[in-house]
Amino acid sequence: MRMLTAMLISAGLLAGCGEAVQTVGDYRGKTDAKPYEANYGGDKAKWESALRTRNQTQNEYKRVH
């Protein structure tokens, strides 16, 4: 009886360890848009230039000297 009880308890504990796949079909989520597509019309060079300018205005050394 003890052996049967121990086996049932261990089987119950092991049953909770399984993890099911949590995807629905082939859907893997939507792809992210490039950061320069929204405000710069896809012009990556213009976006990089604006980013570089923004970083330089936050540079304390450049602002003081």
Protein backbone atom coordinates (compact mmCIF):
# COMPACT_ATOMS: atom_id res chain seq x y z
CA MET A 1 0.00 0.00 0.00
CA ARG A 2 2.81 2.38 0.85
CA MET A 3 4.54 1.61 -2.41
CA LEU A 4 1.38 2.32 -4.39
CA THR A 5 0.83 5.61 -2.56
CA ALA A 6 4.44 6.66 -3.15
CA MET A 7 4.15 5.82 -6.85
CA LEU A 8 0.91 7.78 -7.20
CA ILE A 9 2.39 10.80 -5.45
CA SER A 10 5.55 10.73 -7.56
CA ALA A 11 3.50 10.31 -10.76
CA GLY A 12 1.34 13.27 -9.76
CA LEU A 13 4.38 15.43 -9.08
CA LEU A 14 6.05 14.49 -12.36
CA ALA A 15 2.89 15.21 -14.33
CA GLY A 16 3.14 18.87 -13.33
CA CYS A 17 6.66 19.17 -14.77
CA GLY A 18 5.64 18.87 -18.41
CA GLU A 19 5.49 22.06 -20.46
CA ALA A 20 3.25 22.32 -23.50
CA VAL A 21 4.13 24.34 -26.60
CA GLN A 22 2.41 27.72 -26.43
CA THR A 23 2.31 28.78 -30.08
CA VAL A 24 -0.73 28.85 -32.33
CA GLY A 25 0.06 27.40 -35.75
CA ASP A 26 2.89 29.03 -37.69
CA TYR A 27 2.37 32.52 -36.25
CA ARG A 28 5.60 33.81 -34.69
CA GLY A 29 4.59 37.42 -34.06
CA LYS A 30 4.83 40.45 -36.27
CA THR A 31 8.16 41.79 -37.42
CA ASP A 32 9.47 45.03 -35.98
CA ALA A 33 9.68 48.12 -38.15
CA LYS A 34 13.03 49.82 -38.60
CA PRO A 35 13.41 52.90 -36.36
CA TYR A 36 13.98 55.22 -39.34
CA GLU A 37 10.89 54.12 -41.28
CA ALA A 38 8.29 56.02 -39.25
CA ASN A 39 9.61 59.59 -39.09
CA TYR A 40 12.20 59.67 -41.85
CA GLY A 41 10.41 57.87 -44.68
CA GLY A 42 12.94 55.05 -44.79
CA ASP A 43 15.94 57.40 -45.19
CA LYS A 44 18.51 55.73 -42.95
CA ALA A 45 21.25 58.32 -43.59
CA LYS A 46 18.96 61.18 -42.53
CA TRP A 47 17.97 59.27 -39.38
CA GLU A 48 21.63 58.58 -38.50
CA SER A 49 22.49 62.24 -39.01
CA ALA A 50 19.64 63.37 -36.75
CA LEU A 51 20.68 60.82 -34.13
CA ARG A 52 24.31 61.97 -34.26
CA THR A 53 23.23 65.63 -33.91
CA ARG A 54 21.00 64.78 -30.97
CA ASN A 55 23.82 62.91 -29.24
CA GLN A 56 26.20 65.83 -29.72
CA THR A 57 23.75 68.31 -28.16
CA GLN A 58 23.64 66.08 -25.07
CA ASN A 59 27.45 65.99 -24.85
CA GLU A 60 28.47 68.19 -21.89
CA TYR A 61 31.98 68.73 -23.23
CA LYS A 62 30.65 70.06 -26.53
CA ARG A 63 28.13 72.31 -24.79
CA VAL A 64 30.68 73.89 -22.45
CA HIS A 65 33.57 74.34 -24.90
